Amino acid sequence: MLALLGLAMVIVFTVLIMTKRLSPIVALTVVPIIFALIGGFGGSLGKMMLDGLKMVAPSAALLLFAILFFGILIDAGLFDPLIRRILKVVNGDPVKIAMGTALLSLLVALDGDGTTTYMITCAAMLPLYKRIGMNPMILATLAMLSLSIMSGMSPWGGPATRAIAVLGLDAGEFFVPLLPTVLGGAVWVVFVAWMLGRGERKRVGSVVLESGGSNCYIEKILGDSAHKRPHLAWLNLLLVAAVMVALVMGVMHSAVLFLIGFVVALMLNYPNLEQQRERILAHAGNAMTVVLLVFAAGVFAGIFSGTNMVDALAKGMVDMIPAEWGSFFPLVVAITSMPLTFVLSNDAYYFGVVPILANAAAAYGIDPVEIARASVLGQPVHLMSPLVASTLLLVGMVGRDIGEFQKATVKWAVLTSLVITVLALITGAMSFIA
């Protein structure tokens, strides 16, 4: 019954936001409360919601300070040289713009952090999308797919790190056989960008950008405001590098690092108190929207987990796998990782479900490392979920809601998961038959 209740809750929630009957913040809060009451969990509802809020508080703090940190640096013009270079190469051709978006986001996503990937990609490309008239959902789709490939399967990315840790695997043994899949997945993302760009070229045409002179189109995009600090570019770049290095080395929690980075960037670029206040207010709306969504997602996750709906749903899906499918278990794990990671957080899936799947696979003589590799192949679909904090940031930056985002990306996310699954089978990272 709990599994059915959980499934019904997910379906109702998804329908409500995709049909725009409720806003994501309202749906994430109201829907789980109603289903918890239906399930008879009214007495512990407050505790479950509080547990969920505590669980997402670090993510909310991270996003708040990351938005402010990168917002200050964007205002100061740190990324202007990179944007100029990209704009000169892609000119006004939607195909080149889309492929440039894919290549940029694939490169930035190498650090494994979704927030950084989305912030830098949107800062560089969104002004051009708006000026050309291209659909910003193409930018969002390509950034999400790039992150799913470069972060989802790399051992320093969150999903793979969890799978490696929970199954006690060697990172090299896990990752090296996946390298051809990662490279093939990156080529696929660029191909998707080419296809989407061709569609936009037919819709909006190509625009020849002016080069040089006071009326240069590139300068029109970048603007010339009093907030730019070109003379501080090297110091700002050094600050970003220091924060990124500290982030990779795990010097301290990422939320604390971005808080320190934000404060230093604010003092460095805008020492005047009135300027600081103005810059904070300029980014407060975007930051607050994302933080509210994260806390609402925490309520959803807290109730989903606290009522044990998530455990019942995961166990139910595992139990539904027929015994005769045992020889194809890695493929089954790869396919089921798509819906499971959509409705579950990475922590819930990799720490709760993957060990169950690995134990079941062992009965068929399947190495746990294959299950670990298979489990990360559903990440393109996972990143569509409203429970992913960085996805909420991306949606906010392109000015769309989560329902529109899911409608635009679902086809490409599923296709990408299937493509990298096939690549993993072809290259031997995952066996087709045990």
Protein backbone atom coordinates (compact mmCIF):
# COMPACT_ATOMS: atom_id res chain seq x y z
CA MET A 1 0.00 0.00 0.00
CA LEU A 2 2.83 2.39 0.83
CA ALA A 3 4.39 1.77 -2.58
CA LEU A 4 1.09 2.52 -4.32
CA LEU A 5 0.58 5.61 -2.19
CA GLY A 6 4.07 6.84 -3.05
CA LEU A 7 3.59 6.15 -6.74
CA ALA A 8 0.25 7.98 -6.72
CA MET A 9 1.87 10.94 -4.94
CA VAL A 10 4.62 11.20 -7.56
CA ILE A 11 2.13 10.94 -10.44
CA VAL A 12 -0.24 13.55 -8.96
CA PHE A 13 2.65 15.92 -8.26
CA THR A 14 4.09 15.54 -11.77
CA VAL A 15 0.72 16.07 -13.45
CA LEU A 16 -0.06 19.16 -11.37
CA ILE A 17 3.18 20.95 -12.19
CA MET A 18 3.32 19.90 -15.84
CA THR A 19 -0.26 21.10 -16.43
CA LYS A 20 0.48 24.26 -14.39
CA ARG A 21 -2.41 23.64 -12.00
CA LEU A 22 -0.07 24.44 -9.10
CA SER A 23 3.27 26.20 -8.87
CA PRO A 24 6.24 23.92 -8.04
CA ILE A 25 6.64 25.44 -4.57
CA VAL A 26 3.00 24.84 -3.70
CA ALA A 27 2.89 21.36 -5.24
CA LEU A 28 6.09 20.25 -3.50
CA THR A 29 4.59 21.24 -0.16
CA VAL A 30 0.86 20.55 -0.41
CA VAL A 31 0.83 17.24 -2.33
CA PRO A 32 3.02 15.23 0.11
CA ILE A 33 1.15 16.66 3.11
CA ILE A 34 -2.19 15.47 1.67
CA PHE A 35 -0.84 12.01 0.86
CA ALA A 36 0.78 11.72 4.29
CA LEU A 37 -2.59 12.49 5.89
CA ILE A 38 -4.26 9.91 3.65
CA GLY A 39 -1.68 7.37 4.77
CA GLY A 40 -2.36 8.11 8.45
CA PHE A 41 0.93 9.88 9.20
CA GLY A 42 -0.61 13.10 10.49
CA GLY A 43 0.90 12.70 13.96
CA SER A 44 4.50 12.69 12.73
CA LEU A 45 4.01 15.09 9.84
CA GLY A 46 5.76 18.01 11.52
CA LYS A 47 8.85 15.99 12.39
CA MET A 48 9.13 14.55 8.88
CA MET A 49 8.87 18.01 7.32
CA LEU A 50 11.48 19.40 9.71
CA ASP A 51 13.82 16.49 8.96
CA GLY A 52 13.43 17.24 5.26
CA LEU A 53 14.20 20.92 5.79
CA LYS A 54 17.31 20.03 7.78
CA MET A 55 18.39 17.64 5.03
CA VAL A 56 18.28 20.30 2.29
CA ALA A 57 19.51 23.25 4.39
CA PRO A 58 23.17 22.81 3.31
CA SER A 59 22.10 22.64 -0.36
CA ALA A 60 19.95 25.74 0.06
CA ALA A 61 22.86 27.62 1.64
CA LEU A 62 25.19 26.43 -1.13
CA LEU A 63 22.88 27.66 -3.88
CA LEU A 64 22.19 30.96 -2.13
CA PHE A 65 25.86 31.87 -1.80
CA ALA A 66 26.83 30.37 -5.18
CA ILE A 67 24.21 32.50 -6.93
CA LEU A 68 25.44 35.61 -5.13
CA PHE A 69 29.11 34.71 -5.71
CA PHE A 70 28.79 34.15 -9.45
CA GLY A 71 26.28 36.99 -9.76
CA ILE A 72 28.81 39.46 -8.35
CA LEU A 73 31.52 38.16 -10.68
CA ILE A 74 29.20 38.34 -13.70
CA ASP A 75 28.34 41.94 -12.78
CA ALA A 76 32.05 42.72 -12.55
CA GLY A 77 32.57 41.36 -16.08
CA LEU A 78 34.81 38.40 -15.24
CA PHE A 79 33.34 36.20 -17.96
CA ASP A 80 33.19 38.93 -20.63
CA PRO A 81 36.42 37.81 -22.43
CA LEU A 82 35.13 34.22 -22.62
CA ILE A 83 31.76 35.43 -23.88
CA ARG A 84 33.43 37.64 -26.51
CA ARG A 85 35.46 34.70 -27.78
CA ILE A 86 32.44 32.39 -28.01
CA LEU A 87 30.29 35.04 -29.69
CA LYS A 88 32.95 35.75 -32.32
CA VAL A 89 33.20 32.04 -33.17
CA VAL A 90 29.49 31.21 -33.24
CA ASN A 91 28.44 34.54 -34.83
CA GLY A 92 24.64 34.54 -35.18
CA ASP A 93 24.18 31.00 -36.49
CA PRO A 94 21.80 29.03 -34.20
CA VAL A 95 23.58 25.77 -35.09
CA LYS A 96 26.96 27.12 -34.01
CA ILE A 97 25.41 28.74 -30.94
CA ALA A 98 23.85 25.44 -29.84
CA MET A 99 27.05 23.50 -30.49
CA GLY A 100 29.06 26.17 -28.69
CA THR A 101 26.70 25.83 -25.73
CA ALA A 102 27.25 22.06 -25.67
CA LEU A 103 31.05 22.33 -25.88
CA LEU A 104 31.19 25.02 -23.18
CA SER A 105 28.92 23.16 -20.78
CA LEU A 106 30.76 19.85 -21.37
CA LEU A 107 34.03 21.57 -20.52
CA VAL A 108 32.74 23.36 -17.43
CA ALA A 109 30.92 20.23 -16.21
CA LEU A 110 34.26 18.46 -15.83
CA ASP A 111 34.49 19.85 -12.30
CA GLY A 112 31.43 17.77 -11.40
CA ASP A 113 29.44 20.66 -9.92
CA GLY A 114 26.00 21.41 -11.38
CA THR A 115 25.73 24.88 -9.89
CA THR A 116 29.02 26.04 -11.45
CA THR A 117 28.16 24.46 -14.80
CA TYR A 118 24.78 26.15 -15.05
CA MET A 119 25.94 29.54 -13.76
CA ILE A 120 28.86 29.86 -16.18
CA THR A 121 27.02 28.41 -19.20
CA CYS A 122 24.01 30.68 -18.71
CA ALA A 123 26.20 33.71 -18.08
CA ALA A 124 28.06 33.13 -21.33
CA MET A 125 25.24 32.06 -23.64
CA LEU A 126 21.85 33.28 -22.38
CA PRO A 127 22.26 36.91 -23.55
CA LEU A 128 22.97 35.64 -27.07
CA TYR A 129 19.95 33.31 -27.02
CA LYS A 130 17.73 36.22 -26.03
CA ARG A 131 19.10 38.55 -28.70
CA ILE A 132 18.91 36.01 -31.52
CA GLY A 133 15.46 34.87 -30.39
CA MET A 134 16.47 31.26 -29.74
CA ASN A 135 14.52 29.17 -27.27
CA PRO A 136 16.41 29.25 -23.93
CA MET A 137 15.15 25.74 -23.20
CA ILE A 138 17.73 24.54 -25.74
CA LEU A 139 20.43 26.03 -23.54
CA ALA A 140 18.89 24.37 -20.47
CA THR A 141 18.60 21.00 -22.22
CA LEU A 142 22.20 20.99 -23.45
CA ALA A 143 23.60 22.14 -20.10
CA MET A 144 21.66 19.41 -18.29
CA LEU A 145 22.72 16.67 -20.72
CA SER A 146 26.36 17.80 -20.51
CA LEU A 147 26.29 17.66 -16.72
CA SER A 148 24.72 14.19 -16.77
CA ILE A 149 27.57 12.87 -18.94
CA MET A 150 30.60 14.61 -17.47
CA SER A 151 29.57 14.63 -13.80
CA GLY A 152 27.19 11.68 -13.68
CA MET A 153 29.76 9.07 -14.70
CA SER A 154 33.04 10.57 -13.45
CA PRO A 155 34.34 9.24 -10.09
CA TRP A 156 34.55 12.78 -8.69
CA GLY A 157 30.89 13.44 -9.54
CA GLY A 158 28.20 12.82 -6.95
CA PRO A 159 26.42 9.73 -8.39
CA ALA A 160 29.54 7.70 -9.15
CA THR A 161 31.15 8.69 -5.85
CA ARG A 162 28.15 7.32 -3.97
CA ALA A 163 28.06 4.10 -5.99
CA ILE A 164 31.79 3.52 -5.52
CA ALA A 165 31.59 4.24 -1.79
CA VAL A 166 28.53 2.15 -0.98
CA LEU A 167 29.83 -0.91 -2.85
CA GLY A 168 33.46 -0.51 -1.74
CA LEU A 169 34.87 -0.32 -5.27
CA ASP A 170 38.10 1.00 -6.74
CA ALA A 171 37.51 4.29 -8.58
CA GLY A 172 39.89 3.38 -11.40
CA GLU A 173 38.30 -0.02 -11.95
CA PHE A 174 34.90 1.67 -12.08
CA PHE A 175 35.81 4.56 -14.38
CA VAL A 176 38.38 3.38 -16.94
CA PRO A 177 35.98 0.97 -18.75
CA LEU A 178 33.40 3.81 -18.78
CA LEU A 179 35.71 6.28 -20.55
CA PRO A 180 34.57 5.31 -24.08
CA THR A 181 30.96 5.71 -22.91
CA VAL A 182 31.73 9.16 -21.50
CA LEU A 183 33.44 10.26 -24.73
CA GLY A 184 30.64 8.79 -26.84
CA GLY A 185 28.08 10.50 -24.63
CA ALA A 186 29.85 13.84 -25.11
CA VAL A 187 29.76 13.36 -28.90
CA TRP A 188 26.06 12.54 -28.63
CA VAL A 189 25.38 15.79 -26.72
CA VAL A 190 27.14 17.78 -29.46
CA PHE A 191 25.04 15.90 -32.05
CA VAL A 192 21.87 16.77 -30.12
CA ALA A 193 23.03 20.41 -30.13
CA TRP A 194 23.46 20.24 -33.91
CA MET A 195 19.94 18.85 -34.34
CA LEU A 196 18.37 21.42 -32.02
CA GLY A 197 20.36 24.20 -33.66
CA ARG A 198 19.14 23.20 -37.10
CA GLY A 199 15.57 23.40 -35.89
CA GLU A 200 16.17 26.89 -34.50
CA ARG A 201 17.93 27.99 -37.70
CA LYS A 202 14.77 27.10 -39.64
CA ARG A 203 12.63 28.95 -37.10
CA VAL A 204 14.59 32.17 -36.50
CA GLY A 205 17.22 32.18 -39.27
CA SER A 206 20.82 33.34 -38.92
CA VAL A 207 21.99 36.78 -37.87
CA VAL A 208 25.31 38.20 -39.05
CA LEU A 209 26.87 39.94 -36.09
CA GLU A 210 28.72 43.18 -36.56
CA SER A 211 32.40 43.08 -35.67
CA GLY A 212 34.24 46.07 -34.25
CA GLY A 213 33.15 49.67 -33.83
CA SER A 214 30.99 51.29 -31.22
CA ASN A 215 27.91 49.49 -32.49
CA CYS A 216 29.47 46.04 -32.22
CA TYR A 217 26.78 43.49 -31.45
CA ILE A 218 28.99 41.73 -28.93
CA GLU A 219 29.37 44.90 -26.91
CA LYS A 220 25.62 45.41 -27.08
CA ILE A 221 25.15 42.00 -25.45
CA LEU A 222 27.78 42.57 -22.80
CA GLY A 223 26.72 46.11 -22.09
CA ASP A 224 28.81 48.83 -20.52
CA SER A 225 27.62 49.43 -16.99
CA ALA A 226 29.17 51.13 -14.01
CA HIS A 227 29.34 47.72 -12.32
CA LYS A 228 32.06 46.33 -14.64
CA ARG A 229 35.49 45.96 -13.06
CA PRO A 230 37.84 45.00 -15.94
CA HIS A 231 40.90 46.16 -13.97
CA LEU A 232 40.12 43.50 -11.33
CA ALA A 233 39.70 40.63 -13.82
CA TRP A 234 42.86 38.78 -12.79
CA LEU A 235 42.09 39.09 -9.09
CA ASN A 236 38.55 37.84 -9.69
CA LEU A 237 39.86 34.94 -11.77
CA LEU A 238 42.31 34.08 -9.01
CA LEU A 239 39.44 34.13 -6.50
CA VAL A 240 37.36 31.74 -8.63
CA ALA A 241 40.35 29.42 -9.06
CA ALA A 242 40.99 29.42 -5.31
CA VAL A 243 37.36 28.57 -4.54
CA MET A 244 37.29 25.81 -7.17
CA VAL A 245 40.55 24.26 -5.95
CA ALA A 246 39.36 24.35 -2.34
CA LEU A 247 36.07 22.81 -3.47
CA VAL A 248 37.79 19.91 -5.24
CA MET A 249 40.19 19.36 -2.32
CA GLY A 250 37.32 19.34 0.17
CA VAL A 251 38.94 21.96 2.39
CA MET A 252 35.56 22.77 3.93
CA HIS A 253 31.86 22.48 3.12
CA SER A 254 31.01 23.95 -0.29
CA ALA A 255 28.38 26.28 1.21
CA VAL A 256 31.01 27.81 3.49
CA LEU A 257 33.46 28.15 0.60
CA PHE A 258 30.93 30.00 -1.53
CA LEU A 259 29.97 32.20 1.43
CA ILE A 260 33.61 33.22 1.89
CA GLY A 261 34.05 33.65 -1.87
CA PHE A 262 30.93 35.81 -2.09
CA VAL A 263 32.04 38.07 0.76
CA VAL A 264 35.55 38.48 -0.69
CA ALA A 265 34.17 39.18 -4.19
CA LEU A 266 31.74 41.73 -2.80
CA MET A 267 34.42 43.61 -0.82
CA LEU A 268 36.95 43.41 -3.65
CA ASN A 269 34.70 44.69 -6.42
CA TYR A 270 32.29 46.92 -4.53
CA PRO A 271 33.89 48.33 -1.38
CA ASN A 272 31.18 50.99 -1.06
CA LEU A 273 28.36 49.84 1.28
CA GLU A 274 25.63 51.26 -0.93
CA GLN A 275 27.04 49.42 -3.95
CA GLN A 276 27.15 46.19 -1.96
CA ARG A 277 23.52 46.58 -0.97
CA GLU A 278 22.52 47.34 -4.57
CA ARG A 279 24.32 44.27 -5.96
CA ILE A 280 22.85 41.95 -3.33
CA LEU A 281 19.34 43.22 -4.05
CA ALA A 282 19.94 42.77 -7.78
CA HIS A 283 20.38 39.02 -7.27
CA ALA A 284 18.08 38.54 -4.29
CA GLY A 285 15.01 37.66 -6.37
CA ASN A 286 16.66 34.82 -8.27
CA ALA A 287 18.38 33.55 -5.13
CA MET A 288 15.22 33.59 -3.04
CA THR A 289 13.17 31.77 -5.69
CA VAL A 290 15.70 28.95 -5.88
CA VAL A 291 16.11 28.68 -2.10
CA LEU A 292 12.33 28.50 -1.59
CA LEU A 293 12.10 25.72 -4.18
CA VAL A 294 14.90 23.81 -2.45
CA PHE A 295 13.18 24.03 0.94
CA ALA A 296 9.86 22.97 -0.63
CA ALA A 297 11.69 20.01 -2.19
CA GLY A 298 13.00 19.23 1.30
CA VAL A 299 9.44 19.00 2.60
CA PHE A 300 8.58 16.60 -0.24
CA ALA A 301 11.67 14.47 0.36
CA GLY A 302 11.21 14.47 4.15
CA ILE A 303 7.66 13.16 3.90
CA PHE A 304 8.51 10.75 1.08
CA SER A 305 11.32 9.27 3.18
CA GLY A 306 9.73 9.58 6.63
CA THR A 307 6.59 7.70 5.64
CA ASN A 308 8.81 4.94 4.12
CA MET A 309 6.99 5.40 0.81
CA VAL A 310 10.36 5.72 -0.89
CA ASP A 311 11.62 2.42 0.58
CA ALA A 312 8.41 0.60 -0.29
CA LEU A 313 8.44 1.97 -3.82
CA ALA A 314 12.09 1.00 -4.38
CA LYS A 315 11.59 -2.49 -2.94
CA GLY A 316 8.44 -2.93 -4.99
CA MET A 317 10.23 -2.07 -8.20
CA VAL A 318 13.09 -4.44 -7.38
CA ASP A 319 10.65 -7.23 -6.55
CA MET A 320 8.87 -6.71 -9.87
CA ILE A 321 11.99 -7.76 -11.79
CA PRO A 322 11.27 -11.33 -12.98
CA ALA A 323 13.78 -14.02 -11.99
CA GLU A 324 14.32 -14.96 -15.63
CA TRP A 325 15.70 -11.48 -16.23
CA GLY A 326 18.59 -12.27 -13.91
CA SER A 327 21.05 -12.84 -16.73
CA PHE A 328 20.29 -9.34 -18.03
CA PHE A 329 20.53 -7.73 -14.59
CA PRO A 330 22.99 -4.91 -15.44
CA LEU A 331 20.74 -3.85 -18.32
CA VAL A 332 17.70 -4.01 -16.04
CA VAL A 333 19.50 -1.80 -13.50
CA ALA A 334 20.43 0.70 -16.23
CA ILE A 335 16.83 0.94 -17.48
CA THR A 336 15.21 1.09 -14.04
CA SER A 337 17.71 3.71 -12.88
CA MET A 338 15.83 6.23 -15.02
CA PRO A 339 12.50 6.19 -13.14
CA LEU A 340 14.10 5.36 -9.79
CA THR A 341 16.56 8.24 -9.82
CA PHE A 342 13.82 10.59 -11.00
CA VAL A 343 11.65 9.95 -7.93
CA LEU A 344 14.51 9.39 -5.48
CA SER A 345 17.38 11.59 -4.41
CA ASN A 346 20.86 10.34 -5.27
CA ASP A 347 21.44 9.56 -1.59
CA ALA A 348 18.26 7.49 -1.37
CA TYR A 349 18.98 5.60 -4.59
CA TYR A 350 22.68 4.91 -4.20
CA PHE A 351 22.73 4.27 -0.47
CA GLY A 352 19.34 2.56 -0.28
CA VAL A 353 18.54 0.82 -3.56
CA VAL A 354 21.89 0.08 -5.22
CA PRO A 355 23.13 -2.24 -2.43
CA ILE A 356 19.89 -4.24 -2.79
CA LEU A 357 20.41 -4.45 -6.54
CA ALA A 358 24.07 -5.47 -6.13
CA ASN A 359 23.15 -8.25 -3.70
CA ALA A 360 20.46 -9.51 -6.06
CA ALA A 361 22.92 -9.43 -8.98
CA ALA A 362 25.50 -11.41 -6.99
CA ALA A 363 23.14 -14.40 -7.07
CA TYR A 364 23.62 -14.44 -10.85
CA GLY A 365 27.40 -14.10 -10.61
CA ILE A 366 27.44 -10.45 -11.67
CA ASP A 367 30.29 -8.25 -10.39
CA PRO A 368 29.10 -5.31 -8.23
CA VAL A 369 31.19 -2.92 -10.36
CA GLU A 370 28.87 -3.60 -13.31
CA ILE A 371 25.87 -2.69 -11.18
CA ALA A 372 27.64 0.51 -10.12
CA ARG A 373 28.31 1.46 -13.74
CA ALA A 374 24.76 0.61 -14.76
CA SER A 375 23.31 2.66 -11.91
CA VAL A 376 24.78 5.96 -13.21
CA LEU A 377 23.34 5.60 -16.71
CA GLY A 378 19.97 7.04 -15.68
CA GLN A 379 21.47 10.40 -14.61
CA PRO A 380 20.10 12.36 -17.60
CA VAL A 381 16.59 11.53 -16.38
CA HIS A 382 17.52 12.13 -12.74
CA LEU A 383 18.57 15.70 -13.54
CA MET A 384 15.02 16.47 -14.72
CA SER A 385 13.72 15.89 -11.21
CA PRO A 386 12.48 18.85 -9.13
CA LEU A 387 14.31 17.25 -6.19
CA VAL A 388 17.67 18.23 -7.74
CA ALA A 389 18.70 21.59 -6.34
CA SER A 390 20.92 22.64 -9.26
CA THR A 391 18.08 21.91 -11.71
CA LEU A 392 15.91 24.42 -9.88
CA LEU A 393 18.70 26.94 -10.30
CA LEU A 394 18.93 26.24 -14.05
CA VAL A 395 15.18 26.58 -14.50
CA GLY A 396 15.20 29.90 -12.67
CA MET A 397 18.11 31.25 -14.71
CA VAL A 398 16.41 30.60 -18.06
CA GLY A 399 13.15 32.05 -16.77
CA ARG A 400 10.97 28.95 -17.05
CA ASP A 401 9.19 26.71 -14.57
CA ILE A 402 9.99 23.08 -13.85
CA GLY A 403 6.99 21.77 -15.78
CA GLU A 404 8.07 23.49 -19.00
CA PHE A 405 11.61 22.26 -18.44
CA GLN A 406 10.49 18.64 -18.08
CA LYS A 407 8.30 18.82 -21.18
CA ALA A 408 11.19 20.19 -23.23
CA THR A 409 13.86 17.80 -21.93
CA VAL A 410 12.14 14.47 -21.26
CA LYS A 411 12.64 13.11 -24.79
CA TRP A 412 16.31 14.07 -24.92
CA ALA A 413 17.00 12.88 -21.38
CA VAL A 414 15.53 9.41 -22.03
CA LEU A 415 17.27 9.18 -25.40
CA THR A 416 20.60 10.13 -23.85
CA SER A 417 20.24 7.49 -21.13
CA LEU A 418 19.45 4.88 -23.78
CA VAL A 419 22.38 5.98 -25.96
CA ILE A 420 24.95 5.76 -23.16
CA THR A 421 23.45 2.41 -22.09
CA VAL A 422 23.99 1.05 -25.60
CA LEU A 423 27.50 2.51 -25.63
CA ALA A 424 28.28 0.85 -22.29
CA LEU A 425 27.10 -2.51 -23.70
CA ILE A 426 29.07 -2.12 -26.94
CA THR A 427 32.30 -1.09 -25.21
CA GLY A 428 32.07 -3.81 -22.55
CA ALA A 429 31.62 -1.49 -19.56
CA MET A 430 28.45 -3.46 -18.89
CA SER A 431 27.70 -7.01 -19.99
CA PHE A 432 24.50 -7.78 -21.86
CA ILE A 433 24.22 -11.35 -20.58
CA ALA A 434 25.81 -12.51 -17.33
